[in-house]
Structure formats: C-alpha cells, structure tokens
C-alpha cells in the first residue's frame, strides 16, 4: 500500500513541485529532469578565409571537380586561368559567420543571379557577404559557398566547359539549364 501511495504521489507531481524537488534534491525522479543544452557560438569557417581558389564541384554522383572560377568570377576548366580569391571573415551579425571575397579584379558579388568580381560596378562598389552553405543540400563534409538562401550554380553555355573553351558566366541555378549544376568550394593556397 505504501508503494502504491508513493508511486501515485510521484506520478502526480506538478512541474512546480518537481522543480522544488530538484532544488532541494529530494526526488530521484526530479534528478532525471532534462536540462537546457549548453549554447556556444559557431566557429569561424575554415574555408573561404585567406587566399584560395573557388572550385566548381558537381552536385551529384561523385561530386567531381569540374574546374574553377577566374579572377572575374567566370567558370573555366583551364587550370591556368583559375583566379586567386581572398576571403575575409566578418562579425556574426546574424549569429552565423559571414565573409567577403575579392580578387585582383575587385569585390565579388551576385547581381541578378550572376556571380561577378570586378571594380567597375558603381551599384555594388564593395564585396557582398557570403557564408558557408549548410547541409544536407550541399556536398557532405565539404564547405560550399552560400549567398542569401542559395548556393547551387550553373551556366547557360557548355555546362561544364572544356579546358579549350573560353570562361563562361556562372549564376545561381534556375533549373532550366542543361548540364551539370555545381557548388562553389574552396581550395586553400596558403
């Protein structure tokens, strides 16, 4: 009878009583009450900081490396034309790390849906803020470039280009392009 009474009392504890029991350490049931998980700030990205190349990686199959971007932000498969990008981290204004990218051609940005790097656009005189695209939509275990809520890229030309082809404009996908869609990833040069 005593066991039934204790079980009934334990099952009818109110949250207030349960909290009081935890505070006083009197109830073994209260000791199992969940606690809030510790919070921490996200670490700065390891990719897209310092000097590196923007690589184009297929978003399917084996995630093959399909080339790189030039200093002007165009897609090429000619390795001698790969640009050198400088990534600089910014503060965490939205709780996630952001960064800018620049090349010898200027700051990098998205205009319309097209990726560009240049000095000549008076509307966008400075580099845009980019971020690392989260999983599960990107390449597992690889940091991919994100902008706003987007990251997947394509071109309207030969998709992907051949090493003999001139560099092509690259833009955020509209899903009407023929060929392979790519994520922009980082190859550190330092």
N, C-alpha and C. Protein backbone atom coordinates (compact mmCIF):
# COMPACT_ATOMS: atom_id res chain seq x y z
N UNK A 1 0.82 -1.19 0.00
CA UNK A 1 0.00 0.00 0.00
C UNK A 1 0.87 1.25 0.00
N UNK A 2 1.93 1.24 0.79
CA UNK A 2 2.83 2.38 0.85
C UNK A 2 3.49 2.60 -0.51
N UNK A 3 3.87 1.52 -1.21
CA UNK A 3 4.50 1.63 -2.53
C UNK A 3 3.53 2.26 -3.52
N UNK A 4 2.25 1.87 -3.49
CA UNK A 4 1.25 2.44 -4.40
C UNK A 4 1.06 3.91 -4.12
N UNK A 5 1.01 4.30 -2.86
CA UNK A 5 0.85 5.70 -2.49
C UNK A 5 2.04 6.53 -2.97
N UNK A 6 3.25 6.02 -2.80
CA UNK A 6 4.45 6.75 -3.26
C UNK A 6 4.47 6.88 -4.78
N UNK A 7 4.08 5.80 -5.49
CA UNK A 7 4.05 5.85 -6.94
C UNK A 7 3.02 6.86 -7.42
N UNK A 8 1.84 6.87 -6.83
CA UNK A 8 0.80 7.83 -7.19
C UNK A 8 1.28 9.25 -6.93
N UNK A 9 1.92 9.48 -5.82
CA UNK A 9 2.42 10.81 -5.48
C UNK A 9 3.49 11.25 -6.48
N UNK A 10 4.37 10.33 -6.86
CA UNK A 10 5.44 10.67 -7.82
C UNK A 10 4.87 11.00 -9.19
N UNK A 11 3.83 10.27 -9.61
CA UNK A 11 3.24 10.50 -10.93
C UNK A 11 2.39 11.76 -10.99
N UNK A 12 1.97 12.28 -9.87
CA UNK A 12 1.12 13.47 -9.86
C UNK A 12 1.86 14.73 -9.46
N UNK A 13 3.18 14.68 -9.39
CA UNK A 13 3.93 15.89 -9.06
C UNK A 13 3.70 16.94 -10.13
N UNK A 14 3.43 18.14 -9.73
CA UNK A 14 3.29 19.23 -10.70
C UNK A 14 4.67 19.71 -11.10
N UNK A 15 4.79 20.43 -12.21
CA UNK A 15 6.10 20.96 -12.58
C UNK A 15 6.70 21.81 -11.47
N UNK A 16 5.85 22.57 -10.74
CA UNK A 16 6.36 23.38 -9.64
C UNK A 16 6.94 22.49 -8.55
N UNK A 17 6.20 21.44 -8.21
CA UNK A 17 6.68 20.53 -7.17
C UNK A 17 7.93 19.80 -7.64
N UNK A 18 7.96 19.43 -8.92
CA UNK A 18 9.12 18.75 -9.46
C UNK A 18 10.33 19.68 -9.40
N UNK A 19 10.14 20.94 -9.77
CA UNK A 19 11.22 21.91 -9.69
C UNK A 19 11.68 22.10 -8.26
N UNK A 20 10.75 22.14 -7.32
CA UNK A 20 11.11 22.29 -5.92
C UNK A 20 11.90 21.08 -5.45
N UNK A 21 11.50 19.90 -5.91
CA UNK A 21 12.23 18.70 -5.52
C UNK A 21 13.65 18.73 -6.07
N UNK A 22 13.82 19.21 -7.29
CA UNK A 22 15.16 19.31 -7.86
C UNK A 22 15.98 20.28 -7.04
N UNK A 23 15.36 21.40 -6.70
CA UNK A 23 16.08 22.42 -5.95
C UNK A 23 16.57 21.87 -4.61
N UNK A 24 15.74 21.06 -3.97
CA UNK A 24 16.10 20.54 -2.65
C UNK A 24 16.76 19.17 -2.73
N UNK A 25 16.82 18.59 -3.93
CA UNK A 25 17.47 17.30 -4.10
C UNK A 25 16.72 16.15 -3.46
N UNK A 26 15.40 16.26 -3.27
CA UNK A 26 14.67 15.24 -2.54
C UNK A 26 14.11 14.13 -3.41
N UNK A 27 13.91 14.35 -4.71
CA UNK A 27 13.21 13.37 -5.52
C UNK A 27 14.13 12.72 -6.54
N UNK A 28 14.21 11.38 -6.55
CA UNK A 28 15.03 10.72 -7.56
C UNK A 28 14.45 10.92 -8.97
N UNK A 29 13.13 11.07 -9.10
CA UNK A 29 12.52 11.33 -10.41
C UNK A 29 12.94 12.70 -10.92
N UNK A 30 13.00 13.67 -10.04
CA UNK A 30 13.35 15.02 -10.44
C UNK A 30 14.80 15.10 -10.90
N UNK A 31 15.65 14.25 -10.40
CA UNK A 31 17.05 14.28 -10.80
C UNK A 31 17.21 13.94 -12.27
N UNK A 32 16.22 13.27 -12.86
CA UNK A 32 16.27 12.90 -14.27
C UNK A 32 15.62 13.95 -15.17
N UNK A 33 15.15 15.03 -14.62
CA UNK A 33 14.50 16.06 -15.43
C UNK A 33 15.51 16.65 -16.41
N UNK A 34 15.08 16.89 -17.67
CA UNK A 34 16.02 17.41 -18.66
C UNK A 34 16.47 18.83 -18.32
N UNK A 35 17.68 19.13 -18.71
CA UNK A 35 18.22 20.47 -18.53
C UNK A 35 18.49 21.07 -19.90
N UNK A 36 18.60 22.36 -19.95
CA UNK A 36 18.87 23.03 -21.22
C UNK A 36 20.28 22.68 -21.70
N UNK A 37 20.40 22.50 -23.02
CA UNK A 37 21.71 22.21 -23.61
C UNK A 37 22.57 23.47 -23.56
N UNK A 38 23.86 23.31 -23.35
CA UNK A 38 24.72 24.49 -23.34
C UNK A 38 24.75 25.13 -24.72
N UNK A 39 24.84 26.44 -24.75
CA UNK A 39 24.91 27.14 -26.03
C UNK A 39 26.34 27.60 -26.26
N UNK A 40 26.72 27.67 -27.53
CA UNK A 40 28.05 28.17 -27.87
C UNK A 40 27.97 28.90 -29.19
N UNK A 41 28.91 29.75 -29.43
CA UNK A 41 28.96 30.48 -30.69
C UNK A 41 29.55 29.58 -31.76
N UNK A 42 29.06 29.69 -33.00
CA UNK A 42 29.64 28.89 -34.06
C UNK A 42 31.09 29.32 -34.32
N UNK A 43 31.90 28.37 -34.70
CA UNK A 43 33.30 28.67 -35.01
C UNK A 43 33.38 29.36 -36.36
N UNK A 44 34.42 30.19 -36.56
CA UNK A 44 34.57 30.81 -37.87
C UNK A 44 34.83 29.73 -38.92
N UNK A 45 34.45 29.99 -40.17
CA UNK A 45 34.65 28.97 -41.20
C UNK A 45 36.13 28.71 -41.42
N UNK A 46 36.46 27.47 -41.76
CA UNK A 46 37.84 27.13 -42.09
C UNK A 46 38.09 27.37 -43.57
N UNK A 47 37.05 27.30 -44.36
CA UNK A 47 37.15 27.55 -45.80
C UNK A 47 36.78 29.00 -46.09
N UNK A 48 37.15 29.46 -47.25
CA UNK A 48 36.81 30.80 -47.75
C UNK A 48 37.46 31.92 -46.94
N UNK A 49 38.54 31.61 -46.22
CA UNK A 49 39.28 32.61 -45.46
C UNK A 49 40.74 32.54 -45.90
N UNK A 50 41.36 33.70 -46.12
CA UNK A 50 42.73 33.73 -46.61
C UNK A 50 42.74 33.68 -48.13
N UNK A 51 43.80 33.13 -48.70
CA UNK A 51 43.93 33.03 -50.17
C UNK A 51 43.53 31.64 -50.63
N UNK A 52 42.78 31.58 -51.73
CA UNK A 52 42.37 30.29 -52.26
C UNK A 52 41.73 30.41 -53.63
N UNK A 53 41.33 29.26 -54.15
CA UNK A 53 40.60 29.19 -55.41
C UNK A 53 39.16 28.81 -55.12
N UNK A 54 38.24 29.29 -55.94
CA UNK A 54 36.87 28.81 -55.91
C UNK A 54 36.77 27.69 -56.94
N UNK A 55 36.51 26.48 -56.46
CA UNK A 55 36.41 25.30 -57.30
C UNK A 55 34.94 25.00 -57.58
N UNK A 56 34.65 24.46 -58.76
CA UNK A 56 33.28 24.08 -59.12
C UNK A 56 33.16 22.57 -58.96
N UNK A 57 32.30 22.13 -58.05
CA UNK A 57 32.11 20.70 -57.79
C UNK A 57 30.69 20.30 -58.13
N UNK A 58 30.58 19.24 -58.93
CA UNK A 58 29.29 18.70 -59.34
C UNK A 58 28.45 18.38 -58.12
N UNK A 59 27.17 18.68 -58.19
CA UNK A 59 26.31 18.47 -57.02
C UNK A 59 25.74 17.06 -56.95
N UNK A 60 26.20 16.15 -57.78
CA UNK A 60 25.62 14.81 -57.83
C UNK A 60 26.73 13.79 -58.05
N UNK A 61 26.38 12.53 -57.99
CA UNK A 61 27.34 11.47 -58.31
C UNK A 61 28.55 11.51 -57.40
N UNK A 62 29.72 11.66 -58.01
CA UNK A 62 30.97 11.63 -57.26
C UNK A 62 31.45 13.01 -56.83
N UNK A 63 30.63 14.04 -57.03
CA UNK A 63 30.98 15.42 -56.68
C UNK A 63 32.29 15.85 -57.35
N UNK A 64 32.45 15.46 -58.62
CA UNK A 64 33.69 15.71 -59.36
C UNK A 64 34.03 17.20 -59.40
N UNK A 65 35.33 17.48 -59.38
CA UNK A 65 35.84 18.85 -59.55
C UNK A 65 35.76 19.16 -61.05
N UNK A 66 34.97 20.16 -61.41
CA UNK A 66 34.73 20.49 -62.82
C UNK A 66 35.39 21.80 -63.24
N UNK A 67 36.35 22.27 -62.47
CA UNK A 67 37.05 23.49 -62.85
C UNK A 67 37.11 24.48 -61.70
N UNK A 68 37.19 25.76 -62.07
CA UNK A 68 37.38 26.82 -61.08
C UNK A 68 36.77 28.12 -61.62
N UNK A 69 36.83 29.16 -60.82
CA UNK A 69 36.41 30.48 -61.27
C UNK A 69 37.64 31.34 -61.53
N UNK A 70 37.55 32.21 -62.53
CA UNK A 70 38.61 33.15 -62.85
C UNK A 70 38.55 34.33 -61.88
N UNK A 71 39.53 35.23 -61.97
CA UNK A 71 39.52 36.44 -61.14
C UNK A 71 38.27 37.28 -61.39
N UNK A 72 37.68 37.17 -62.57
CA UNK A 72 36.45 37.91 -62.88
C UNK A 72 35.19 37.19 -62.46
N UNK A 73 35.33 35.96 -61.93
CA UNK A 73 34.17 35.20 -61.46
C UNK A 73 33.52 34.35 -62.53
N UNK A 74 34.25 34.00 -63.58
CA UNK A 74 33.70 33.14 -64.64
C UNK A 74 34.21 31.71 -64.46
N UNK A 75 33.41 30.76 -64.95
CA UNK A 75 33.72 29.34 -64.82
C UNK A 75 34.65 28.91 -65.95
N UNK A 76 35.73 28.23 -65.59
CA UNK A 76 36.66 27.69 -66.58
C UNK A 76 37.15 26.32 -66.13
N UNK A 77 37.52 25.49 -67.12
CA UNK A 77 38.17 24.21 -66.82
C UNK A 77 39.66 24.29 -67.17
N UNK A 78 40.13 25.46 -67.57
CA UNK A 78 41.54 25.69 -67.87
C UNK A 78 42.23 26.12 -66.57
N UNK A 79 43.01 25.23 -65.99
CA UNK A 79 43.62 25.48 -64.68
C UNK A 79 44.53 26.70 -64.66
N UNK A 80 45.09 27.08 -65.81
CA UNK A 80 45.98 28.26 -65.84
C UNK A 80 45.20 29.56 -65.69
N UNK A 81 43.87 29.51 -65.84
CA UNK A 81 43.04 30.70 -65.71
C UNK A 81 42.37 30.83 -64.34
N UNK A 82 42.62 29.88 -63.43
CA UNK A 82 41.98 29.92 -62.11
C UNK A 82 42.39 31.19 -61.37
N UNK A 83 41.42 31.86 -60.79
CA UNK A 83 41.68 33.08 -60.04
C UNK A 83 42.18 32.81 -58.64
N UNK A 84 42.71 33.85 -58.04
CA UNK A 84 43.12 33.81 -56.63
C UNK A 84 42.16 34.71 -55.86
N UNK A 85 41.43 34.12 -54.94
CA UNK A 85 40.43 34.82 -54.15
C UNK A 85 40.97 35.05 -52.75
N UNK A 86 40.60 36.18 -52.17
CA UNK A 86 40.95 36.47 -50.78
C UNK A 86 39.65 36.55 -49.99
N UNK A 87 39.53 35.68 -49.00
CA UNK A 87 38.35 35.67 -48.14
C UNK A 87 38.65 36.34 -46.82
N UNK A 88 37.77 37.24 -46.40
CA UNK A 88 37.94 37.95 -45.13
C UNK A 88 36.70 37.74 -44.27
N UNK A 89 36.86 37.20 -43.04
CA UNK A 89 35.70 36.98 -42.18
C UNK A 89 35.13 38.30 -41.66
N UNK A 90 33.84 38.29 -41.41
CA UNK A 90 33.14 39.43 -40.84
C UNK A 90 32.61 39.03 -39.47
N UNK A 91 32.09 39.98 -38.75
CA UNK A 91 31.44 39.70 -37.47
C UNK A 91 30.22 38.82 -37.73
N UNK A 92 29.61 38.36 -36.68
CA UNK A 92 28.45 37.49 -36.78
C UNK A 92 27.17 38.29 -36.59
N UNK A 93 26.76 39.12 -37.53
CA UNK A 93 25.59 39.95 -37.30
C UNK A 93 24.30 39.15 -37.18
N UNK A 94 24.26 37.96 -37.75
CA UNK A 94 23.04 37.16 -37.70
C UNK A 94 23.24 35.85 -36.96
N UNK A 95 24.31 35.74 -36.20
CA UNK A 95 24.57 34.51 -35.47
C UNK A 95 25.33 33.48 -36.28
N UNK A 96 25.66 33.79 -37.53
CA UNK A 96 26.48 32.87 -38.32
C UNK A 96 27.61 33.67 -38.96
N UNK A 97 28.71 33.00 -39.22
CA UNK A 97 29.87 33.68 -39.79
C UNK A 97 29.62 34.01 -41.24
N UNK A 98 29.99 35.21 -41.61
CA UNK A 98 29.92 35.65 -42.99
C UNK A 98 31.31 36.11 -43.41
N UNK A 99 31.52 36.25 -44.72
CA UNK A 99 32.81 36.67 -45.22
C UNK A 99 32.63 37.36 -46.56
N UNK A 100 33.65 38.12 -46.96
CA UNK A 100 33.68 38.72 -48.28
C UNK A 100 34.74 38.01 -49.10
N UNK A 101 34.61 38.09 -50.42
CA UNK A 101 35.60 37.55 -51.35
C UNK A 101 36.02 38.65 -52.30
N UNK A 102 37.31 38.76 -52.54
CA UNK A 102 37.84 39.71 -53.52
C UNK A 102 38.90 39.01 -54.36
N UNK A 103 39.16 39.59 -55.55
CA UNK A 103 40.23 39.12 -56.43
C UNK A 103 40.97 40.34 -56.95
N UNK A 104 41.94 40.12 -57.82
CA UNK A 104 42.64 41.24 -58.46
C UNK A 104 41.67 42.09 -59.28
N UNK A 105 40.55 41.51 -59.71
CA UNK A 105 39.54 42.23 -60.48
C UNK A 105 38.63 43.09 -59.60
N UNK A 106 38.55 42.80 -58.31
CA UNK A 106 37.71 43.57 -57.40
C UNK A 106 36.87 42.70 -56.49
N UNK A 107 35.87 43.32 -55.85
CA UNK A 107 34.99 42.62 -54.93
C UNK A 107 34.05 41.68 -55.67
N UNK A 108 33.69 40.57 -55.02
CA UNK A 108 32.79 39.58 -55.62
C UNK A 108 31.38 39.77 -55.07
N UNK A 109 30.40 39.57 -55.94
CA UNK A 109 29.01 39.78 -55.57
C UNK A 109 28.11 39.01 -56.52
N UNK A 110 26.84 38.99 -56.22
CA UNK A 110 25.81 38.41 -57.08
C UNK A 110 24.97 39.57 -57.58
N UNK A 111 24.82 39.69 -58.90
CA UNK A 111 23.94 40.72 -59.47
C UNK A 111 22.91 39.98 -60.31
N UNK A 112 21.63 40.21 -60.01
CA UNK A 112 20.59 39.36 -60.59
C UNK A 112 20.78 38.00 -59.97
N UNK A 113 21.28 37.06 -60.74
CA UNK A 113 21.67 35.76 -60.19
C UNK A 113 23.10 35.42 -60.59
N UNK A 114 23.79 36.36 -61.26
CA UNK A 114 25.12 36.10 -61.80
C UNK A 114 26.23 36.43 -60.80
N UNK A 115 27.22 35.53 -60.72
CA UNK A 115 28.39 35.73 -59.86
C UNK A 115 29.38 36.60 -60.62
N UNK A 116 29.91 37.64 -59.98
CA UNK A 116 30.86 38.57 -60.61
C UNK A 116 31.91 39.00 -59.60
N UNK A 117 33.07 39.38 -60.12
CA UNK A 117 34.11 40.02 -59.33
C UNK A 117 34.69 41.13 -60.19
N UNK A 118 34.53 42.39 -59.77
CA UNK A 118 35.09 43.50 -60.55
C UNK A 118 35.09 44.79 -59.76
N UNK A 119 35.76 45.78 -60.30
CA UNK A 119 35.81 47.13 -59.73
C UNK A 119 34.79 48.04 -60.38
N UNK A 120 34.22 47.62 -61.51
CA UNK A 120 33.50 48.54 -62.37
C UNK A 120 32.03 48.73 -62.12
N UNK A 121 31.45 48.15 -61.09
CA UNK A 121 30.01 48.28 -60.91
C UNK A 121 29.72 49.33 -59.84
N UNK A 122 29.25 50.53 -60.23
CA UNK A 122 29.00 51.57 -59.23
C UNK A 122 27.86 51.24 -58.28
N UNK A 123 26.95 50.36 -58.69
CA UNK A 123 25.84 49.98 -57.81
C UNK A 123 26.32 49.08 -56.68
N UNK A 124 27.33 48.27 -56.95
CA UNK A 124 27.86 47.33 -55.96
C UNK A 124 29.36 47.57 -55.81
N UNK A 125 29.77 48.68 -55.17
CA UNK A 125 31.19 49.02 -55.10
C UNK A 125 32.01 48.15 -54.15
N UNK A 126 31.36 47.43 -53.27
CA UNK A 126 32.09 46.58 -52.33
C UNK A 126 31.61 45.15 -52.45
N UNK A 127 32.38 44.24 -51.90
CA UNK A 127 32.05 42.82 -51.96
C UNK A 127 30.80 42.51 -51.14
N UNK A 128 30.05 41.54 -51.61
CA UNK A 128 28.88 41.05 -50.89
C UNK A 128 29.31 40.15 -49.74
N UNK A 129 28.38 39.88 -48.84
CA UNK A 129 28.62 38.95 -47.75
C UNK A 129 28.17 37.56 -48.20
N UNK A 130 29.06 36.61 -48.08
CA UNK A 130 28.76 35.22 -48.38
C UNK A 130 28.83 34.43 -47.08
N UNK A 131 28.45 33.16 -47.11
CA UNK A 131 28.50 32.30 -45.94
C UNK A 131 28.67 30.86 -46.40
N UNK A 132 28.91 29.95 -45.47
CA UNK A 132 29.05 28.53 -45.79
C UNK A 132 27.66 27.91 -45.82
N UNK A 133 27.32 27.29 -46.96
CA UNK A 133 26.01 26.68 -47.16
C UNK A 133 25.87 25.46 -46.26
N UNK A 134 24.74 25.32 -45.56
CA UNK A 134 24.59 24.20 -44.63
C UNK A 134 24.19 22.90 -45.33
N UNK A 135 24.48 21.80 -44.68
CA UNK A 135 23.97 20.51 -45.12
C UNK A 135 22.49 20.47 -44.79
N UNK A 136 21.68 19.64 -45.35
CA UNK A 136 22.02 18.46 -46.13
C UNK A 136 22.06 18.70 -47.63
N UNK A 137 21.87 19.92 -48.10
CA UNK A 137 21.75 20.15 -49.53
C UNK A 137 23.06 20.31 -50.27
N UNK A 138 24.17 20.40 -49.58
CA UNK A 138 25.46 20.60 -50.22
C UNK A 138 26.23 19.28 -50.24
N UNK A 139 27.52 19.36 -50.51
CA UNK A 139 28.37 18.18 -50.59
C UNK A 139 28.75 17.74 -49.17
N UNK A 140 28.48 16.49 -48.80
CA UNK A 140 28.79 16.04 -47.44
C UNK A 140 30.27 16.25 -47.08
N UNK A 141 30.50 16.91 -45.95
CA UNK A 141 31.84 17.11 -45.44
C UNK A 141 32.65 18.20 -46.13
N UNK A 142 32.04 18.95 -47.05
CA UNK A 142 32.76 19.99 -47.79
C UNK A 142 32.02 21.31 -47.61
N UNK A 143 32.76 22.36 -47.27
CA UNK A 143 32.15 23.69 -47.17
C UNK A 143 31.84 24.20 -48.57
N UNK A 144 30.61 24.66 -48.77
CA UNK A 144 30.17 25.19 -50.06
C UNK A 144 29.73 26.64 -49.88
N UNK A 145 29.99 27.46 -50.89
CA UNK A 145 29.66 28.88 -50.82
C UNK A 145 28.15 29.08 -50.84
N UNK A 146 27.66 29.93 -49.95
CA UNK A 146 26.25 30.27 -49.92
C UNK A 146 26.07 31.77 -50.04
N UNK A 147 24.95 32.15 -50.60
CA UNK A 147 24.58 33.56 -50.70
C UNK A 147 23.08 33.63 -50.50
N UNK A 148 22.63 34.45 -49.54
CA UNK A 148 21.23 34.50 -49.18
C UNK A 148 20.80 33.08 -48.84
N UNK A 149 19.77 32.55 -49.48
CA UNK A 149 19.37 31.17 -49.21
C UNK A 149 19.83 30.23 -50.32
N UNK A 150 20.72 30.69 -51.18
CA UNK A 150 21.10 29.96 -52.38
C UNK A 150 22.56 29.55 -52.36
N UNK A 151 22.94 28.68 -53.28
CA UNK A 151 24.33 28.28 -53.42
C UNK A 151 24.61 27.50 -54.70
N UNK A 152 23.65 26.73 -55.18
CA UNK A 152 23.86 25.90 -56.35
C UNK A 152 23.97 26.76 -57.60
N UNK A 153 24.98 26.48 -58.45
CA UNK A 153 25.28 27.31 -59.62
C UNK A 153 25.22 26.50 -60.91
N UNK A 154 25.14 27.22 -62.04
CA UNK A 154 25.17 26.62 -63.38
C UNK A 154 25.55 27.70 -64.38
N UNK A 155 25.68 27.29 -65.63
CA UNK A 155 25.91 28.27 -66.70
C UNK A 155 24.93 27.98 -67.83
N UNK A 156 24.76 28.95 -68.71
CA UNK A 156 23.89 28.74 -69.87
C UNK A 156 24.66 28.21 -71.06
N UNK A 157 25.99 28.17 -70.96
CA UNK A 157 26.82 27.70 -72.06
C UNK A 157 27.03 26.21 -71.96
N UNK A 158 28.21 25.79 -72.37
CA UNK A 158 28.59 24.39 -72.27
C UNK A 158 28.79 24.10 -70.79
N UNK A 159 28.07 23.19 -70.27
CA UNK A 159 27.95 23.04 -68.83
C UNK A 159 28.32 21.62 -68.40
N UNK A 160 29.55 21.31 -68.03
CA UNK A 160 30.66 22.20 -67.74
C UNK A 160 31.47 22.55 -68.99
N UNK A 161 32.25 23.63 -68.90
CA UNK A 161 33.10 23.98 -70.05
C UNK A 161 34.27 22.99 -70.19
N UNK A 162 34.81 22.90 -71.39
CA UNK A 162 36.03 22.12 -71.63
C UNK A 162 37.24 23.02 -71.40
N UNK A 163 38.41 22.44 -71.16
CA UNK A 163 39.61 23.27 -70.95
C UNK A 163 39.90 24.21 -72.12
N UNK A 164 39.49 23.85 -73.34
CA UNK A 164 39.74 24.69 -74.52
C UNK A 164 38.74 25.84 -74.64
N UNK A 165 37.62 25.75 -73.96
CA UNK A 165 36.57 26.77 -74.07
C UNK A 165 36.95 28.04 -73.33
N UNK A 166 36.46 29.19 -73.80
CA UNK A 166 36.67 30.42 -73.03
C UNK A 166 35.85 30.35 -71.73
N UNK A 167 36.23 31.12 -70.71
CA UNK A 167 35.45 31.13 -69.46
C UNK A 167 34.00 31.54 -69.71
N UNK A 168 33.09 30.97 -68.91
CA UNK A 168 31.65 31.22 -69.04
C UNK A 168 31.12 31.94 -67.81
N UNK A 169 30.09 32.74 -68.01
CA UNK A 169 29.38 33.33 -66.87
C UNK A 169 28.77 32.20 -66.06
N UNK A 170 28.71 32.38 -64.75
CA UNK A 170 28.09 31.39 -63.87
C UNK A 170 27.07 32.11 -63.01
N UNK A 171 25.96 31.44 -62.73
CA UNK A 171 24.87 32.07 -61.98
C UNK A 171 24.17 31.05 -61.09
N UNK A 172 23.37 31.57 -60.18
CA UNK A 172 22.53 30.70 -59.35
C UNK A 172 21.57 29.95 -60.27
N UNK A 173 21.34 28.68 -60.00
CA UNK A 173 20.53 27.86 -60.90
C UNK A 173 19.09 28.36 -60.99
N UNK A 174 18.52 28.19 -62.17
CA UNK A 174 17.09 28.43 -62.36
C UNK A 174 16.40 27.09 -62.66
N UNK A 175 17.17 26.03 -62.75
CA UNK A 175 16.73 24.67 -63.06
C UNK A 175 16.23 24.54 -64.50
N UNK A 176 16.56 25.49 -65.36
CA UNK A 176 16.25 25.37 -66.78
C UNK A 176 17.53 25.09 -67.58
N UNK A 177 18.69 25.14 -66.93
CA UNK A 177 19.96 24.93 -67.61
C UNK A 177 20.16 23.46 -67.96
N UNK A 178 20.84 23.22 -69.07
CA UNK A 178 21.19 21.86 -69.48
C UNK A 178 22.62 21.61 -69.00
N UNK A 179 22.86 20.46 -68.43
CA UNK A 179 24.21 20.14 -67.97
C UNK A 179 24.26 19.95 -66.47
N UNK A 180 25.46 20.11 -65.93
CA UNK A 180 25.69 19.83 -64.52
C UNK A 180 25.58 21.09 -63.68
N UNK A 181 24.95 20.94 -62.52
CA UNK A 181 24.89 22.02 -61.54
C UNK A 181 26.07 21.83 -60.58
N UNK A 182 26.60 22.95 -60.09
CA UNK A 182 27.81 22.88 -59.26
C UNK A 182 27.67 23.72 -58.00
N UNK A 183 28.42 23.31 -56.99
CA UNK A 183 28.63 24.09 -55.78
C UNK A 183 30.00 24.73 -55.91
N UNK A 184 30.16 25.91 -55.35
CA UNK A 184 31.48 26.55 -55.30
C UNK A 184 32.13 26.16 -53.98
N UNK A 185 33.30 25.55 -54.07
CA UNK A 185 34.03 25.10 -52.89
C UNK A 185 35.38 25.81 -52.85
N UNK A 186 36.16 25.56 -51.83
CA UNK A 186 37.39 26.30 -51.58
C UNK A 186 38.60 25.37 -51.64
N UNK A 187 39.64 25.82 -52.31
CA UNK A 187 40.95 25.17 -52.26
C UNK A 187 41.93 26.21 -51.74
N UNK A 188 42.39 26.03 -50.52
CA UNK A 188 43.31 26.99 -49.90
C UNK A 188 44.64 27.00 -50.65
N UNK A 189 45.22 28.19 -50.77
CA UNK A 189 46.51 28.34 -51.45
C UNK A 189 47.63 28.67 -50.49
N UNK A 190 47.34 28.92 -49.24
CA UNK A 190 48.38 29.28 -48.27
C UNK A 190 48.86 28.07 -47.52
